[in-house]
Amino acid sequence: MVTSPVAALNAVHAGKSRTELDAERGRCIARSAELSGYGRLSGAQVQEADSLIAEQIVLDDLIARDDVAARSESIARGRAAMADPGNREGRPGRRRWCTGSVTGGRPRPRRSSG
């Protein structure tokens, strides 16, 4: 069975902490910068540069997934706090509507024409 290089890199980096992923990404960027500073690359260096690009793409994807998971957890905690009646402002049982207007969602008084 032939596995793709991306799948192999995913397997290598899956399960690493965010700190480890950031460190690996920094290593890839530093080595890529070092290679780009050379005037001419050998065949092995070209292959290394290509594999560093692929590895950075995989790391960026894993880091983005970690960011989404962290945001999702934060949103879930916020929703749980909002669902608790003890965290609501105002009188108990009163429903508050807010449309973002200056009056806090209440209709504005009409001006008298005259």
C-alpha atoms as a PDB file:
ATOM      1  CA  MET A   1       0.000   0.000   0.000  1.00  0.00           C
ATOM      2  CA  VAL A   2       1.419   3.370  -1.052  1.00  0.00           C
ATOM      3  CA  THR A   3       0.772   6.303   1.244  1.00  0.00           C
ATOM      4  CA  SER A   4       0.991   9.895   0.131  1.00  0.00           C
ATOM      5  CA  PRO A   5       3.703  12.131   1.585  1.00  0.00           C
ATOM      6  CA  VAL A   6       0.997  14.356   3.093  1.00  0.00           C
ATOM      7  CA  ALA A   7      -0.623  11.403   4.870  1.00  0.00           C
ATOM      8  CA  ALA A   8       2.786  10.346   6.169  1.00  0.00           C
ATOM      9  CA  LEU A   9       3.473  13.863   7.479  1.00  0.00           C
ATOM     10  CA  ASN A  10       0.021  13.980   9.077  1.00  0.00           C
ATOM     11  CA  ALA A  11       0.795  10.715  10.844  1.00  0.00           C
ATOM     12  CA  VAL A  12       4.143  12.053  12.062  1.00  0.00           C
ATOM     13  CA  HIS A  13       2.708  15.272  13.513  1.00  0.00           C
ATOM     14  CA  ALA A  14      -0.757  14.130  14.636  1.00  0.00           C
ATOM     15  CA  GLY A  15      -1.210  14.225  18.384  1.00  0.00           C
ATOM     16  CA  LYS A  16       1.526  16.797  19.008  1.00  0.00           C
ATOM     17  CA  SER A  17       0.805  19.734  21.270  1.00  0.00           C
ATOM     18  CA  ARG A  18       0.358  23.233  19.902  1.00  0.00           C
ATOM     19  CA  THR A  19       3.769  24.217  21.263  1.00  0.00           C
ATOM     20  CA  GLU A  20       5.429  21.310  19.464  1.00  0.00           C
ATOM     21  CA  LEU A  21       3.611  22.158  16.215  1.00  0.00           C
ATOM     22  CA  ASP A  22       4.721  25.796  16.461  1.00  0.00           C
ATOM     23  CA  ALA A  23       8.325  24.706  17.105  1.00  0.00           C
ATOM     24  CA  GLU A  24       8.285  22.335  14.108  1.00  0.00           C
ATOM     25  CA  ARG A  25       6.812  25.076  11.908  1.00  0.00           C
ATOM     26  CA  GLY A  26       9.554  27.476  13.031  1.00  0.00           C
ATOM     27  CA  ARG A  27      12.187  24.869  12.203  1.00  0.00           C
ATOM     28  CA  CYS A  28      10.731  24.433   8.705  1.00  0.00           C
ATOM     29  CA  ILE A  29      10.652  28.177   8.096  1.00  0.00           C
ATOM     30  CA  ALA A  30      14.229  28.656   9.335  1.00  0.00           C
ATOM     31  CA  ARG A  31      15.605  25.839   7.170  1.00  0.00           C
ATOM     32  CA  SER A  32      13.625  27.052   4.135  1.00  0.00           C
ATOM     33  CA  ALA A  33      15.073  30.538   4.606  1.00  0.00           C
ATOM     34  CA  GLU A  34      18.556  29.052   4.863  1.00  0.00           C
ATOM     35  CA  LEU A  35      18.086  27.087   1.642  1.00  0.00           C
ATOM     36  CA  SER A  36      16.647  30.082  -0.212  1.00  0.00           C
ATOM     37  CA  GLY A  37      19.811  32.007   0.651  1.00  0.00           C
ATOM     38  CA  TYR A  38      21.943  29.656  -1.423  1.00  0.00           C
ATOM     39  CA  GLY A  39      22.723  30.720  -4.986  1.00  0.00           C
ATOM     40  CA  ARG A  40      22.218  27.280  -6.489  1.00  0.00           C
ATOM     41  CA  LEU A  41      20.648  24.250  -4.879  1.00  0.00           C
ATOM     42  CA  SER A  42      21.773  20.691  -5.395  1.00  0.00           C
ATOM     43  CA  GLY A  43      19.211  18.026  -6.254  1.00  0.00           C
ATOM     44  CA  ALA A  44      19.073  16.888  -2.635  1.00  0.00           C
ATOM     45  CA  GLN A  45      18.546  20.464  -1.458  1.00  0.00           C
ATOM     46  CA  VAL A  46      15.707  20.957  -3.944  1.00  0.00           C
ATOM     47  CA  GLN A  47      14.037  17.803  -2.604  1.00  0.00           C
ATOM     48  CA  GLU A  48      14.576  19.013   0.963  1.00  0.00           C
ATOM     49  CA  ALA A  49      13.027  22.407   0.111  1.00  0.00           C
ATOM     50  CA  ASP A  50      10.020  20.662  -1.451  1.00  0.00           C
ATOM     51  CA  SER A  51       9.552  18.425   1.574  1.00  0.00           C
ATOM     52  CA  LEU A  52       9.839  21.440   3.908  1.00  0.00           C
ATOM     53  CA  ILE A  53       7.071  23.194   1.975  1.00  0.00           C
ATOM     54  CA  ALA A  54       4.846  20.118   2.233  1.00  0.00           C
ATOM     55  CA  GLU A  55       5.608  19.768   5.929  1.00  0.00           C
ATOM     56  CA  GLN A  56       4.802  23.430   6.577  1.00  0.00           C
ATOM     57  CA  ILE A  57       1.455  23.045   4.788  1.00  0.00           C
ATOM     58  CA  VAL A  58       0.585  20.055   6.976  1.00  0.00           C
ATOM     59  CA  LEU A  59       1.690  21.906  10.121  1.00  0.00           C
ATOM     60  CA  ASP A  60      -0.340  24.996   9.152  1.00  0.00           C
ATOM     61  CA  ASP A  61      -3.402  22.782   8.704  1.00  0.00           C
ATOM     62  CA  LEU A  62      -2.916  21.089  12.088  1.00  0.00           C
ATOM     63  CA  ILE A  63      -2.388  24.466  13.782  1.00  0.00           C
ATOM     64  CA  ALA A  64      -5.556  25.846  12.152  1.00  0.00           C
ATOM     65  CA  ARG A  65      -7.512  22.805  13.354  1.00  0.00           C
ATOM     66  CA  ASP A  66      -6.193  23.402  16.872  1.00  0.00           C
ATOM     67  CA  ASP A  67      -7.301  27.057  16.669  1.00  0.00           C
ATOM     68  CA  VAL A  68     -10.799  26.019  15.577  1.00  0.00           C
ATOM     69  CA  ALA A  69     -11.031  23.470  18.392  1.00  0.00           C
ATOM     70  CA  ALA A  70      -9.964  26.090  20.957  1.00  0.00           C
ATOM     71  CA  ARG A  71     -12.523  28.595  19.625  1.00  0.00           C
ATOM     72  CA  SER A  72     -15.246  25.951  19.655  1.00  0.00           C
ATOM     73  CA  GLU A  73     -14.506  25.128  23.290  1.00  0.00           C
ATOM     74  CA  SER A  74     -14.605  28.817  24.189  1.00  0.00           C
ATOM     75  CA  ILE A  75     -17.935  29.285  22.415  1.00  0.00           C
ATOM     76  CA  ALA A  76     -19.369  26.215  24.147  1.00  0.00           C
ATOM     77  CA  ARG A  77     -18.319  27.590  27.555  1.00  0.00           C
ATOM     78  CA  GLY A  78     -19.908  30.953  26.680  1.00  0.00           C
ATOM     79  CA  ARG A  79     -23.156  29.327  25.590  1.00  0.00           C
ATOM     80  CA  ALA A  80     -23.269  27.265  28.770  1.00  0.00           C
ATOM     81  CA  ALA A  81     -22.781  30.438  30.839  1.00  0.00           C
ATOM     82  CA  MET A  82     -25.504  32.256  28.873  1.00  0.00           C
ATOM     83  CA  ALA A  83     -27.926  29.376  29.386  1.00  0.00           C
ATOM     84  CA  ASP A  84     -27.571  29.654  33.173  1.00  0.00           C
ATOM     85  CA  PRO A  85     -30.376  31.941  34.446  1.00  0.00           C
ATOM     86  CA  GLY A  86     -28.138  33.048  37.316  1.00  0.00           C
ATOM     87  CA  ASN A  87     -25.869  34.836  34.833  1.00  0.00           C
ATOM     88  CA  ARG A  88     -28.618  36.948  33.278  1.00  0.00           C
ATOM     89  CA  GLU A  89     -29.039  40.627  34.051  1.00  0.00           C
ATOM     90  CA  GLY A  90     -32.307  42.280  34.971  1.00  0.00           C
ATOM     91  CA  ARG A  91     -35.366  41.026  36.793  1.00  0.00           C
ATOM     92  CA  PRO A  92     -35.904  37.265  36.862  1.00  0.00           C
ATOM     93  CA  GLY A  93     -38.317  36.076  34.196  1.00  0.00           C
ATOM     94  CA  ARG A  94     -38.071  39.283  32.168  1.00  0.00           C
ATOM     95  CA  ARG A  95     -36.973  38.793  28.621  1.00  0.00           C
ATOM     96  CA  ARG A  96     -34.598  41.394  27.283  1.00  0.00           C
ATOM     97  CA  TRP A  97     -34.508  42.289  23.646  1.00  0.00           C
ATOM     98  CA  CYS A  98     -31.674  44.262  22.194  1.00  0.00           C
ATOM     99  CA  THR A  99     -31.289  45.191  18.565  1.00  0.00           C
ATOM    100  CA  GLY A 100     -28.144  47.166  19.093  1.00  0.00           C
ATOM    101  CA  SER A 101     -29.943  50.509  18.863  1.00  0.00           C
ATOM    102  CA  VAL A 102     -29.331  53.401  21.191  1.00  0.00           C
ATOM    103  CA  THR A 103     -32.598  52.741  23.025  1.00  0.00           C
ATOM    104  CA  GLY A 104     -31.676  49.135  23.794  1.00  0.00           C
ATOM    105  CA  GLY A 105     -34.277  47.632  21.474  1.00  0.00           C
ATOM    106  CA  ARG A 106     -37.242  49.729  22.628  1.00  0.00           C
ATOM    107  CA  PRO A 107     -39.040  51.695  19.934  1.00  0.00           C
ATOM    108  CA  ARG A 108     -37.990  55.311  19.763  1.00  0.00           C
ATOM    109  CA  PRO A 109     -40.579  57.896  20.744  1.00  0.00           C
ATOM    110  CA  ARG A 110     -42.217  59.598  17.777  1.00  0.00           C
ATOM    111  CA  ARG A 111     -41.758  63.259  17.237  1.00  0.00           C
ATOM    112  CA  SER A 112     -44.848  65.308  17.175  1.00  0.00           C
ATOM    113  CA  SER A 113     -45.426  66.917  13.838  1.00  0.00           C
ATOM    114  CA  GLY A 114     -46.387  70.448  14.369  1.00  0.00           C
END
